[in-house]
Amino acid sequence: MRTQIGLLLAGLSSAVMAQAPPELSRAVQFYGHEHGGADSPAFRWALADLNDDGRDDAIVLLSGPRYCGADGCTMLVFRGTDQGFTLVSATTIVMAPIRVSANSVDGWRSLIVYSKGKGEVVLKFSGTHYPANPSMQPKVDRLELEAAANAIQ
């Protein structure tokens, strides 16, 4: 599975990391405006085909005080479309690392995230979205973790 990773901070890309696709930056900016932010949120991102449709989807980890607290930050998952990216789900209190599992549920790859106080847990797609709260999800087993691809460190 090909995964592209990047970092975008307040509209300025890191010289070391790849710049986010413009369509993804617009989708994140729209999410930020819809959730009360005047500025575009800073974020880290990874592209991976999460639903095996041959098109990259996006995993985004927002940063900054509006989207992060002591227990983690908001993670967004976007579906790649011909027009850009469409929001699939938002999950709060996520900490890196974020990994893409080799396992799928309802046609979407499971995601493995770090949940403070619990460790690495599995977020399984419900048919419409990923769980909103990782602390309520099961811990990942060793074999699934070893087979997962890194997305956001």
C-alpha atoms as a PDB file:
ATOM      1  CA  MET A   1       0.000   0.000   0.000  1.00  0.00           C
ATOM      2  CA  ARG A   2       1.418   3.372  -1.008  1.00  0.00           C
ATOM      3  CA  THR A   3       1.164   6.001   1.700  1.00  0.00           C
ATOM      4  CA  GLN A   4       2.210   9.622   1.267  1.00  0.00           C
ATOM      5  CA  ILE A   5       2.824  11.604   4.436  1.00  0.00           C
ATOM      6  CA  GLY A   6       3.034  15.327   4.958  1.00  0.00           C
ATOM      7  CA  LEU A   7       2.779  18.201   7.352  1.00  0.00           C
ATOM      8  CA  LEU A   8       0.968  21.484   6.809  1.00  0.00           C
ATOM      9  CA  LEU A   9       1.230  24.223   9.394  1.00  0.00           C
ATOM     10  CA  ALA A  10      -1.097  27.209   9.075  1.00  0.00           C
ATOM     11  CA  GLY A  11      -0.925  27.160   5.297  1.00  0.00           C
ATOM     12  CA  LEU A  12       2.874  26.874   5.094  1.00  0.00           C
ATOM     13  CA  SER A  13       4.320  23.511   4.177  1.00  0.00           C
ATOM     14  CA  SER A  14       7.444  22.247   5.837  1.00  0.00           C
ATOM     15  CA  ALA A  15      10.447  22.300   3.535  1.00  0.00           C
ATOM     16  CA  VAL A  16      11.193  18.709   4.536  1.00  0.00           C
ATOM     17  CA  MET A  17       7.671  17.327   4.163  1.00  0.00           C
ATOM     18  CA  ALA A  18       5.513  17.229   1.046  1.00  0.00           C
ATOM     19  CA  GLN A  19       2.835  19.858   0.630  1.00  0.00           C
ATOM     20  CA  ALA A  20      -0.748  18.663   1.017  1.00  0.00           C
ATOM     21  CA  PRO A  21      -2.784  18.425  -2.176  1.00  0.00           C
ATOM     22  CA  PRO A  22      -4.749  21.676  -2.668  1.00  0.00           C
ATOM     23  CA  GLU A  23      -8.064  19.782  -2.591  1.00  0.00           C
ATOM     24  CA  LEU A  24      -7.178  18.342   0.823  1.00  0.00           C
ATOM     25  CA  SER A  25      -6.131  21.736   2.167  1.00  0.00           C
ATOM     26  CA  ARG A  26      -9.495  23.149   1.022  1.00  0.00           C
ATOM     27  CA  ALA A  27     -11.402  20.286   2.674  1.00  0.00           C
ATOM     28  CA  VAL A  28      -9.566  20.810   5.973  1.00  0.00           C
ATOM     29  CA  GLN A  29     -10.090  24.577   5.746  1.00  0.00           C
ATOM     30  CA  PHE A  30     -13.821  24.017   5.171  1.00  0.00           C
ATOM     31  CA  TYR A  31     -13.972  21.705   8.208  1.00  0.00           C
ATOM     32  CA  GLY A  32     -12.209  24.354  10.298  1.00  0.00           C
ATOM     33  CA  HIS A  33     -14.623  27.096   9.219  1.00  0.00           C
ATOM     34  CA  GLU A  34     -17.631  24.840   9.834  1.00  0.00           C
ATOM     35  CA  HIS A  35     -16.361  24.219  13.385  1.00  0.00           C
ATOM     36  CA  GLY A  36     -15.812  27.823  14.395  1.00  0.00           C
ATOM     37  CA  GLY A  37     -12.264  28.454  13.286  1.00  0.00           C
ATOM     38  CA  ALA A  38     -11.401  31.695  11.528  1.00  0.00           C
ATOM     39  CA  ASP A  39      -8.074  30.377  10.237  1.00  0.00           C
ATOM     40  CA  SER A  40      -7.179  27.134   8.507  1.00  0.00           C
ATOM     41  CA  PRO A  41      -6.179  24.539  11.082  1.00  0.00           C
ATOM     42  CA  ALA A  42      -2.629  23.255  11.155  1.00  0.00           C
ATOM     43  CA  PHE A  43      -2.459  19.561  10.346  1.00  0.00           C
ATOM     44  CA  ARG A  44      -0.416  16.482   9.526  1.00  0.00           C
ATOM     45  CA  TRP A  45      -1.712  14.205   6.807  1.00  0.00           C
ATOM     46  CA  ALA A  46      -1.301  10.914   4.997  1.00  0.00           C
ATOM     47  CA  LEU A  47      -2.806   9.609   1.774  1.00  0.00           C
ATOM     48  CA  ALA A  48      -3.769   5.949   1.437  1.00  0.00           C
ATOM     49  CA  ASP A  49      -6.433   4.016  -0.427  1.00  0.00           C
ATOM     50  CA  LEU A  50      -8.543   3.105   2.596  1.00  0.00           C
ATOM     51  CA  ASN A  51     -11.544   1.686   0.689  1.00  0.00           C
ATOM     52  CA  ASP A  52      -9.716  -0.114  -2.151  1.00  0.00           C
ATOM     53  CA  ASP A  53     -11.348   1.961  -4.894  1.00  0.00           C
ATOM     54  CA  GLY A  54      -8.014   2.856  -6.507  1.00  0.00           C
ATOM     55  CA  ARG A  55      -8.176   6.454  -5.278  1.00  0.00           C
ATOM     56  CA  ASP A  56      -6.259   7.977  -2.381  1.00  0.00           C
ATOM     57  CA  ASP A  57      -8.238   8.861   0.727  1.00  0.00           C
ATOM     58  CA  ALA A  58      -6.805  11.140   3.420  1.00  0.00           C
ATOM     59  CA  ILE A  59      -6.100  10.800   7.123  1.00  0.00           C
ATOM     60  CA  VAL A  60      -5.622  14.178   8.808  1.00  0.00           C
ATOM     61  CA  LEU A  61      -4.477  14.904  12.354  1.00  0.00           C
ATOM     62  CA  LEU A  62      -5.369  18.460  13.306  1.00  0.00           C
ATOM     63  CA  SER A  63      -3.283  20.461  15.767  1.00  0.00           C
ATOM     64  CA  GLY A  64      -3.642  23.600  17.839  1.00  0.00           C
ATOM     65  CA  PRO A  65      -5.687  24.499  20.912  1.00  0.00           C
ATOM     66  CA  ARG A  66      -9.053  24.449  19.112  1.00  0.00           C
ATOM     67  CA  TYR A  67      -8.596  20.811  18.053  1.00  0.00           C
ATOM     68  CA  CYS A  68      -6.320  19.346  20.728  1.00  0.00           C
ATOM     69  CA  GLY A  69      -6.394  18.793  24.460  1.00  0.00           C
ATOM     70  CA  ALA A  70      -4.383  16.865  26.999  1.00  0.00           C
ATOM     71  CA  ASP A  71      -5.747  13.547  25.706  1.00  0.00           C
ATOM     72  CA  GLY A  72      -5.115  14.115  21.994  1.00  0.00           C
ATOM     73  CA  CYS A  73      -6.297  15.864  18.852  1.00  0.00           C
ATOM     74  CA  THR A  74      -9.049  15.534  16.273  1.00  0.00           C
ATOM     75  CA  MET A  75      -8.426  13.102  13.427  1.00  0.00           C
ATOM     76  CA  LEU A  76     -10.372  13.485  10.187  1.00  0.00           C
ATOM     77  CA  VAL A  77     -10.812  10.873   7.478  1.00  0.00           C
ATOM     78  CA  PHE A  78     -11.684  12.046   3.963  1.00  0.00           C
ATOM     79  CA  ARG A  79     -12.771   9.989   0.972  1.00  0.00           C
ATOM     80  CA  GLY A  80     -10.981  10.861  -2.253  1.00  0.00           C
ATOM     81  CA  THR A  81     -13.385  11.797  -5.064  1.00  0.00           C
ATOM     82  CA  ASP A  82     -13.136  13.232  -8.581  1.00  0.00           C
ATOM     83  CA  GLN A  83     -13.910  16.655  -7.074  1.00  0.00           C
ATOM     84  CA  GLY A  84     -11.459  16.454  -4.156  1.00  0.00           C
ATOM     85  CA  PHE A  85     -12.051  15.115  -0.662  1.00  0.00           C
ATOM     86  CA  THR A  86     -15.305  14.489   1.229  1.00  0.00           C
ATOM     87  CA  LEU A  87     -15.387  14.158   5.016  1.00  0.00           C
ATOM     88  CA  VAL A  88     -16.162  10.622   6.188  1.00  0.00           C
ATOM     89  CA  SER A  89     -15.630  11.006   9.931  1.00  0.00           C
ATOM     90  CA  ALA A  90     -14.063  12.930  12.781  1.00  0.00           C
ATOM     91  CA  THR A  91     -12.534  11.196  15.789  1.00  0.00           C
ATOM     92  CA  THR A  92     -11.468  13.138  18.872  1.00  0.00           C
ATOM     93  CA  ILE A  93      -8.681  12.529  21.405  1.00  0.00           C
ATOM     94  CA  VAL A  94      -6.357  10.774  18.958  1.00  0.00           C
ATOM     95  CA  MET A  95      -2.592  10.712  19.398  1.00  0.00           C
ATOM     96  CA  ALA A  96       0.008   9.659  16.865  1.00  0.00           C
ATOM     97  CA  PRO A  97       1.113   7.248  15.689  1.00  0.00           C
ATOM     98  CA  ILE A  98      -1.725   6.501  13.288  1.00  0.00           C
ATOM     99  CA  ARG A  99      -1.457   3.305  11.263  1.00  0.00           C
ATOM    100  CA  VAL A 100      -3.500   1.733   8.490  1.00  0.00           C
ATOM    101  CA  SER A 101      -4.417  -1.871   9.230  1.00  0.00           C
ATOM    102  CA  ALA A 102      -4.277  -4.619   6.624  1.00  0.00           C
ATOM    103  CA  ASN A 103      -7.774  -5.590   7.862  1.00  0.00           C
ATOM    104  CA  SER A 104     -10.978  -4.101   6.449  1.00  0.00           C
ATOM    105  CA  VAL A 105     -14.494  -3.787   7.837  1.00  0.00           C
ATOM    106  CA  ASP A 106     -17.433  -2.754   5.615  1.00  0.00           C
ATOM    107  CA  GLY A 107     -15.029  -2.052   2.756  1.00  0.00           C
ATOM    108  CA  TRP A 108     -12.717   0.348   4.624  1.00  0.00           C
ATOM    109  CA  ARG A 109      -9.350  -0.371   6.216  1.00  0.00           C
ATOM    110  CA  SER A 110      -9.288  -0.276  10.000  1.00  0.00           C
ATOM    111  CA  LEU A 111      -7.130   2.441  11.559  1.00  0.00           C
ATOM    112  CA  ILE A 112      -4.861   1.961  14.546  1.00  0.00           C
ATOM    113  CA  VAL A 113      -4.424   5.022  16.768  1.00  0.00           C
ATOM    114  CA  TYR A 114      -2.934   5.760  20.155  1.00  0.00           C
ATOM    115  CA  SER A 115      -5.439   6.394  22.941  1.00  0.00           C
ATOM    116  CA  LYS A 116      -4.016   7.957  26.108  1.00  0.00           C
ATOM    117  CA  GLY A 117      -4.312   5.605  29.061  1.00  0.00           C
ATOM    118  CA  LYS A 118      -5.243   2.632  26.879  1.00  0.00           C
ATOM    119  CA  GLY A 119      -2.507   2.327  24.258  1.00  0.00           C
ATOM    120  CA  GLU A 120      -2.981   1.442  20.623  1.00  0.00           C
ATOM    121  CA  VAL A 121      -6.571   0.676  19.672  1.00  0.00           C
ATOM    122  CA  VAL A 122      -8.400  -0.337  16.488  1.00  0.00           C
ATOM    123  CA  LEU A 123     -10.949   1.948  14.845  1.00  0.00           C
ATOM    124  CA  LYS A 124     -13.214  -0.191  12.649  1.00  0.00           C
ATOM    125  CA  PHE A 125     -15.406   1.393   9.999  1.00  0.00           C
ATOM    126  CA  SER A 126     -19.121   1.152  10.847  1.00  0.00           C
ATOM    127  CA  GLY A 127     -20.464   1.326   7.302  1.00  0.00           C
ATOM    128  CA  THR A 128     -20.716   5.134   7.462  1.00  0.00           C
ATOM    129  CA  HIS A 129     -17.874   6.381   9.677  1.00  0.00           C
ATOM    130  CA  TYR A 130     -15.073   5.533  12.106  1.00  0.00           C
ATOM    131  CA  PRO A 131     -15.752   5.671  15.885  1.00  0.00           C
ATOM    132  CA  ALA A 132     -15.758   9.166  17.400  1.00  0.00           C
ATOM    133  CA  ASN A 133     -13.975   8.138  20.609  1.00  0.00           C
ATOM    134  CA  PRO A 134     -10.966   5.797  20.478  1.00  0.00           C
ATOM    135  CA  SER A 135     -10.890   5.236  24.255  1.00  0.00           C
ATOM    136  CA  MET A 136     -13.990   3.041  23.878  1.00  0.00           C
ATOM    137  CA  GLN A 137     -12.400   0.795  21.210  1.00  0.00           C
ATOM    138  CA  PRO A 138     -10.559  -2.521  21.614  1.00  0.00           C
ATOM    139  CA  LYS A 139      -6.801  -2.691  21.934  1.00  0.00           C
ATOM    140  CA  VAL A 140      -5.030  -3.823  18.793  1.00  0.00           C
ATOM    141  CA  ASP A 141      -3.571  -7.311  18.786  1.00  0.00           C
ATOM    142  CA  ARG A 142       0.125  -7.787  18.097  1.00  0.00           C
ATOM    143  CA  LEU A 143      -0.305  -9.456  14.676  1.00  0.00           C
ATOM    144  CA  GLU A 144      -2.562  -6.695  13.329  1.00  0.00           C
ATOM    145  CA  LEU A 145      -0.169  -4.038  14.635  1.00  0.00           C
ATOM    146  CA  GLU A 146       2.838  -5.710  13.016  1.00  0.00           C
ATOM    147  CA  ALA A 147       1.046  -5.923   9.644  1.00  0.00           C
ATOM    148  CA  ALA A 148      -0.100  -2.281   9.684  1.00  0.00           C
ATOM    149  CA  ALA A 149       1.414   0.475   7.547  1.00  0.00           C
ATOM    150  CA  ASN A 150       2.557   3.695   9.214  1.00  0.00           C
ATOM    151  CA  ALA A 151       0.534   6.740   8.192  1.00  0.00           C
ATOM    152  CA  ILE A 152       1.193   9.591  10.650  1.00  0.00           C
ATOM    153  CA  GLN A 153       4.026   9.418  13.167  1.00  0.00           C
END
